[in-house]
Amino acid sequence: MSNRSRPDLIGLIALLLIVGVLVGGYFLFPHIQSVMGYQDCIASGRITGC
Protein backbone atom coordinates (compact mmCIF):
# COMPACT_ATOMS: atom_id res chain seq x y z
CA MET A 1 0.00 0.00 0.00
CA SER A 2 1.21 3.47 -0.79
CA ASN A 3 0.48 6.32 1.54
CA ARG A 4 -1.10 9.25 -0.27
CA SER A 5 0.10 12.53 1.13
CA ARG A 6 -1.75 15.78 0.93
CA PRO A 7 -1.65 17.52 -2.43
CA ASP A 8 1.08 20.10 -2.76
CA LEU A 9 -0.47 23.47 -2.05
CA ILE A 10 2.51 25.62 -3.04
CA GLY A 11 1.18 26.16 -6.56
CA LEU A 12 -2.30 27.06 -5.34
CA ILE A 13 -0.95 29.46 -2.72
CA ALA A 14 1.29 31.13 -5.32
CA LEU A 15 -1.62 31.50 -7.73
CA LEU A 16 -3.84 33.03 -5.03
CA LEU A 17 -1.03 35.39 -4.03
CA ILE A 18 -0.52 36.57 -7.62
CA VAL A 19 -4.26 37.05 -8.16
CA GLY A 20 -4.50 38.92 -4.84
CA VAL A 21 -1.71 41.29 -5.82
CA LEU A 22 -3.32 41.94 -9.21
CA VAL A 23 -6.77 42.60 -7.71
CA GLY A 24 -5.29 44.80 -4.99
CA GLY A 25 -3.37 46.80 -7.58
CA TYR A 26 -6.51 47.18 -9.69
CA PHE A 27 -8.42 48.71 -6.78
CA LEU A 28 -5.53 50.78 -5.38
CA PHE A 29 -4.25 52.21 -8.68
CA PRO A 30 -6.76 55.12 -8.96
CA HIS A 31 -5.97 56.22 -5.39
CA ILE A 32 -2.21 56.01 -5.92
CA GLN A 33 -2.52 57.84 -9.22
CA SER A 34 -4.45 60.71 -7.60
CA VAL A 35 -1.89 61.00 -4.79
CA MET A 36 0.97 61.08 -7.30
CA GLY A 37 -0.85 63.69 -9.37
CA TYR A 38 -1.34 65.84 -6.28
CA GLN A 39 2.36 65.54 -5.42
CA ASP A 40 3.26 66.59 -8.97
CA CYS A 41 0.93 69.54 -8.69
CA ILE A 42 2.55 70.69 -5.44
CA ALA A 43 6.04 70.16 -6.87
CA SER A 44 5.24 72.36 -9.85
CA GLY A 45 4.13 75.19 -7.54
CA ARG A 46 0.44 75.21 -8.54
CA ILE A 47 -0.97 74.69 -5.05
CA THR A 48 -4.27 76.52 -5.62
CA GLY A 49 -5.00 74.96 -9.03
CA CYS A 50 -4.90 71.31 -7.89
PDB file of N, CA and C in Angstrom:
ATOM      1  N   MET A   1       0.825  -1.189   0.000  1.00  0.00           N
ATOM      2  CA  MET A   1       0.000   0.000   0.000  1.00  0.00           C
ATOM      3  C   MET A   1       0.872   1.258   0.000  1.00  0.00           C
ATOM      4  N   SER A   2       0.468   2.214  -0.774  1.00  0.00           N
ATOM      5  CA  SER A   2       1.208   3.468  -0.790  1.00  0.00           C
ATOM      6  C   SER A   2       0.416   4.511  -0.004  1.00  0.00           C
ATOM      7  N   ASN A   3       1.122   5.252   0.778  1.00  0.00           N
ATOM      8  CA  ASN A   3       0.478   6.324   1.539  1.00  0.00           C
ATOM      9  C   ASN A   3       0.348   7.552   0.652  1.00  0.00           C
ATOM     10  N   ARG A   4      -0.883   8.032   0.515  1.00  0.00           N
ATOM     11  CA  ARG A   4      -1.102   9.249  -0.266  1.00  0.00           C
ATOM     12  C   ARG A   4      -0.962  10.442   0.654  1.00  0.00           C
ATOM     13  N   SER A   5      -0.070  11.323   0.324  1.00  0.00           N
ATOM     14  CA  SER A   5       0.097  12.529   1.130  1.00  0.00           C
ATOM     15  C   SER A   5      -0.855  13.605   0.610  1.00  0.00           C
ATOM     16  N   ARG A   6      -0.902  14.664   1.365  1.00  0.00           N
ATOM     17  CA  ARG A   6      -1.754  15.779   0.934  1.00  0.00           C
ATOM     18  C   ARG A   6      -1.243  16.339  -0.385  1.00  0.00           C
ATOM     19  N   PRO A   7      -2.123  16.896  -1.178  1.00  0.00           N
ATOM     20  CA  PRO A   7      -1.651  17.520  -2.428  1.00  0.00           C
ATOM     21  C   PRO A   7      -0.771  18.728  -2.112  1.00  0.00           C
ATOM     22  N   ASP A   8       0.174  18.976  -2.967  1.00  0.00           N
ATOM     23  CA  ASP A   8       1.084  20.097  -2.765  1.00  0.00           C
ATOM     24  C   ASP A   8       0.330  21.407  -2.992  1.00  0.00           C
ATOM     25  N   LEU A   9       0.311  22.237  -1.970  1.00  0.00           N
ATOM     26  CA  LEU A   9      -0.474  23.471  -2.046  1.00  0.00           C
ATOM     27  C   LEU A   9       0.363  24.684  -2.427  1.00  0.00           C
ATOM     28  N   ILE A  10       1.641  24.489  -2.704  1.00  0.00           N
ATOM     29  CA  ILE A  10       2.508  25.624  -3.040  1.00  0.00           C
ATOM     30  C   ILE A  10       2.013  26.332  -4.306  1.00  0.00           C
ATOM     31  N   GLY A  11       1.652  25.567  -5.313  1.00  0.00           N
ATOM     32  CA  GLY A  11       1.176  26.165  -6.557  1.00  0.00           C
ATOM     33  C   GLY A  11      -0.112  26.941  -6.366  1.00  0.00           C
ATOM     34  N   LEU A  12      -1.029  26.379  -5.592  1.00  0.00           N
ATOM     35  CA  LEU A  12      -2.303  27.060  -5.341  1.00  0.00           C
ATOM     36  C   LEU A  12      -2.090  28.334  -4.538  1.00  0.00           C
ATOM     37  N   ILE A  13      -1.228  28.272  -3.538  1.00  0.00           N
ATOM     38  CA  ILE A  13      -0.950  29.461  -2.722  1.00  0.00           C
ATOM     39  C   ILE A  13      -0.295  30.536  -3.578  1.00  0.00           C
ATOM     40  N   ALA A  14       0.631  30.156  -4.441  1.00  0.00           N
ATOM     41  CA  ALA A  14       1.292  31.128  -5.317  1.00  0.00           C
ATOM     42  C   ALA A  14       0.287  31.772  -6.279  1.00  0.00           C
ATOM     43  N   LEU A  15      -0.604  30.964  -6.828  1.00  0.00           N
ATOM     44  CA  LEU A  15      -1.620  31.500  -7.732  1.00  0.00           C
ATOM     45  C   LEU A  15      -2.526  32.486  -7.011  1.00  0.00           C
ATOM     46  N   LEU A  16      -2.973  32.128  -5.803  1.00  0.00           N
ATOM     47  CA  LEU A  16      -3.835  33.026  -5.030  1.00  0.00           C
ATOM     48  C   LEU A  16      -3.097  34.311  -4.662  1.00  0.00           C
ATOM     49  N   LEU A  17      -1.821  34.203  -4.360  1.00  0.00           N
ATOM     50  CA  LEU A  17      -1.035  35.388  -4.028  1.00  0.00           C
ATOM     51  C   LEU A  17      -0.914  36.315  -5.230  1.00  0.00           C
ATOM     52  N   ILE A  18      -0.645  35.753  -6.401  1.00  0.00           N
ATOM     53  CA  ILE A  18      -0.521  36.571  -7.617  1.00  0.00           C
ATOM     54  C   ILE A  18      -1.852  37.239  -7.959  1.00  0.00           C
ATOM     55  N   VAL A  19      -2.940  36.484  -7.873  1.00  0.00           N
ATOM     56  CA  VAL A  19      -4.260  37.054  -8.158  1.00  0.00           C
ATOM     57  C   VAL A  19      -4.593  38.137  -7.134  1.00  0.00           C
ATOM     58  N   GLY A  20      -4.249  37.912  -5.874  1.00  0.00           N
ATOM     59  CA  GLY A  20      -4.496  38.916  -4.837  1.00  0.00           C
ATOM     60  C   GLY A  20      -3.741  40.209  -5.093  1.00  0.00           C
ATOM     61  N   VAL A  21      -2.500  40.098  -5.523  1.00  0.00           N
ATOM     62  CA  VAL A  21      -1.709  41.290  -5.825  1.00  0.00           C
ATOM     63  C   VAL A  21      -2.310  42.036  -7.014  1.00  0.00           C
ATOM     64  N   LEU A  22      -2.728  41.299  -8.035  1.00  0.00           N
ATOM     65  CA  LEU A  22      -3.323  41.944  -9.212  1.00  0.00           C
ATOM     66  C   LEU A  22      -4.632  42.648  -8.866  1.00  0.00           C
ATOM     67  N   VAL A  23      -5.485  41.990  -8.088  1.00  0.00           N
ATOM     68  CA  VAL A  23      -6.770  42.600  -7.705  1.00  0.00           C
ATOM     69  C   VAL A  23      -6.535  43.803  -6.800  1.00  0.00           C
ATOM     70  N   GLY A  24      -5.601  43.669  -5.857  1.00  0.00           N
ATOM     71  CA  GLY A  24      -5.286  44.800  -4.985  1.00  0.00           C
ATOM     72  C   GLY A  24      -4.753  45.989  -5.772  1.00  0.00           C
ATOM     73  N   GLY A  25      -3.881  45.726  -6.736  1.00  0.00           N
ATOM     74  CA  GLY A  25      -3.368  46.800  -7.580  1.00  0.00           C
ATOM     75  C   GLY A  25      -4.453  47.447  -8.418  1.00  0.00           C
ATOM     76  N   TYR A  26      -5.404  46.647  -8.876  1.00  0.00           N
ATOM     77  CA  TYR A  26      -6.510  47.180  -9.686  1.00  0.00           C
ATOM     78  C   TYR A  26      -7.341  48.160  -8.875  1.00  0.00           C
ATOM     79  N   PHE A  27      -7.590  47.834  -7.599  1.00  0.00           N
ATOM     80  CA  PHE A  27      -8.420  48.711  -6.780  1.00  0.00           C
ATOM     81  C   PHE A  27      -7.633  49.869  -6.177  1.00  0.00           C
ATOM     82  N   LEU A  28      -6.328  49.706  -5.980  1.00  0.00           N
ATOM     83  CA  LEU A  28      -5.533  50.778  -5.380  1.00  0.00           C
ATOM     84  C   LEU A  28      -4.957  51.741  -6.409  1.00  0.00           C
ATOM     85  N   PHE A  29      -4.891  51.364  -7.676  1.00  0.00           N
ATOM     86  CA  PHE A  29      -4.250  52.207  -8.678  1.00  0.00           C
ATOM     87  C   PHE A  29      -4.879  53.597  -8.795  1.00  0.00           C
ATOM     88  N   PRO A  30      -6.207  53.752  -8.847  1.00  0.00           N
ATOM     89  CA  PRO A  30      -6.759  55.118  -8.959  1.00  0.00           C
ATOM     90  C   PRO A  30      -6.369  56.006  -7.773  1.00  0.00           C
ATOM     91  N   HIS A  31      -6.348  55.437  -6.571  1.00  0.00           N
ATOM     92  CA  HIS A  31      -5.975  56.223  -5.389  1.00  0.00           C
ATOM     93  C   HIS A  31      -4.508  56.639  -5.463  1.00  0.00           C
ATOM     94  N   ILE A  32      -3.642  55.704  -5.825  1.00  0.00           N
ATOM     95  CA  ILE A  32      -2.212  56.006  -5.925  1.00  0.00           C
ATOM     96  C   ILE A  32      -1.968  57.029  -7.026  1.00  0.00           C
ATOM     97  N   GLN A  33      -2.692  56.904  -8.118  1.00  0.00           N
ATOM     98  CA  GLN A  33      -2.522  57.845  -9.225  1.00  0.00           C
ATOM     99  C   GLN A  33      -2.939  59.259  -8.801  1.00  0.00           C
ATOM    100  N   SER A  34      -4.022  59.386  -8.031  1.00  0.00           N
ATOM    101  CA  SER A  34      -4.447  60.714  -7.602  1.00  0.00           C
ATOM    102  C   SER A  34      -3.451  61.321  -6.615  1.00  0.00           C
ATOM    103  N   VAL A  35      -2.891  60.504  -5.731  1.00  0.00           N
ATOM    104  CA  VAL A  35      -1.889  61.005  -4.793  1.00  0.00           C
ATOM    105  C   VAL A  35      -0.644  61.469  -5.540  1.00  0.00           C
ATOM    106  N   MET A  36      -0.211  60.691  -6.527  1.00  0.00           N
ATOM    107  CA  MET A  36       0.969  61.076  -7.301  1.00  0.00           C
ATOM    108  C   MET A  36       0.697  62.361  -8.092  1.00  0.00           C
ATOM    109  N   GLY A  37      -0.501  62.475  -8.645  1.00  0.00           N
ATOM    110  CA  GLY A  37      -0.847  63.694  -9.375  1.00  0.00           C
ATOM    111  C   GLY A  37      -0.851  64.910  -8.471  1.00  0.00           C
ATOM    112  N   TYR A  38      -1.331  64.737  -7.243  1.00  0.00           N
ATOM    113  CA  TYR A  38      -1.342  65.839  -6.282  1.00  0.00           C
ATOM    114  C   TYR A  38       0.087  66.235  -5.912  1.00  0.00           C
ATOM    115  N   GLN A  39       0.963  65.240  -5.728  1.00  0.00           N
ATOM    116  CA  GLN A  39       2.360  65.539  -5.422  1.00  0.00           C
ATOM    117  C   GLN A  39       3.023  66.276  -6.589  1.00  0.00           C
ATOM    118  N   ASP A  40       2.708  65.890  -7.810  1.00  0.00           N
ATOM    119  CA  ASP A  40       3.261  66.586  -8.973  1.00  0.00           C
ATOM    120  C   ASP A  40       2.759  68.016  -9.037  1.00  0.00           C
ATOM    121  N   CYS A  41       1.515  68.206  -8.675  1.00  0.00           N
ATOM    122  CA  CYS A  41       0.929  69.541  -8.691  1.00  0.00           C
ATOM    123  C   CYS A  41       1.620  70.429  -7.659  1.00  0.00           C
ATOM    124  N   ILE A  42       1.859  69.921  -6.473  1.00  0.00           N
ATOM    125  CA  ILE A  42       2.546  70.689  -5.437  1.00  0.00           C
ATOM    126  C   ILE A  42       3.991  70.974  -5.867  1.00  0.00           C
ATOM    127  N   ALA A  43       4.651  69.990  -6.458  1.00  0.00           N
ATOM    128  CA  ALA A  43       6.043  70.159  -6.874  1.00  0.00           C
ATOM    129  C   ALA A  43       6.182  71.214  -7.964  1.00  0.00           C
ATOM    130  N   SER A  44       5.155  71.378  -8.773  1.00  0.00           N
ATOM    131  CA  SER A  44       5.236  72.365  -9.849  1.00  0.00           C
ATOM    132  C   SER A  44       4.887  73.765  -9.355  1.00  0.00           C
ATOM    133  N   GLY A  45       4.411  73.878  -8.109  1.00  0.00           N
ATOM    134  CA  GLY A  45       4.127  75.191  -7.536  1.00  0.00           C
ATOM    135  C   GLY A  45       2.697  75.656  -7.737  1.00  0.00           C
ATOM    136  N   ARG A  46       1.834  74.821  -8.315  1.00  0.00           N
ATOM    137  CA  ARG A  46       0.444  75.212  -8.539  1.00  0.00           C
ATOM    138  C   ARG A  46      -0.426  74.693  -7.403  1.00  0.00           C
ATOM    139  N   ILE A  47      -0.267  75.233  -6.212  1.00  0.00           N
ATOM    140  CA  ILE A  47      -0.966  74.687  -5.052  1.00  0.00           C
ATOM    141  C   ILE A  47      -2.466  74.980  -5.147  1.00  0.00           C
ATOM    142  N   THR A  48      -2.852  76.164  -5.613  1.00  0.00           N
ATOM    143  CA  THR A  48      -4.273  76.520  -5.623  1.00  0.00           C
ATOM    144  C   THR A  48      -5.013  75.892  -6.794  1.00  0.00           C
ATOM    145  N   GLY A  49      -4.319  75.482  -7.850  1.00  0.00           N
ATOM    146  CA  GLY A  49      -5.003  74.959  -9.028  1.00  0.00           C
ATOM    147  C   GLY A  49      -5.185  73.450  -9.009  1.00  0.00           C
ATOM    148  N   CYS A  50      -4.861  72.781  -7.912  1.00  0.00           N
ATOM    149  CA  CYS A  50      -4.904  71.312  -7.887  1.00  0.00           C
ATOM    150  C   CYS A  50      -6.314  70.816  -7.694  1.00  0.00           C
TER     151      CYS A  50
END
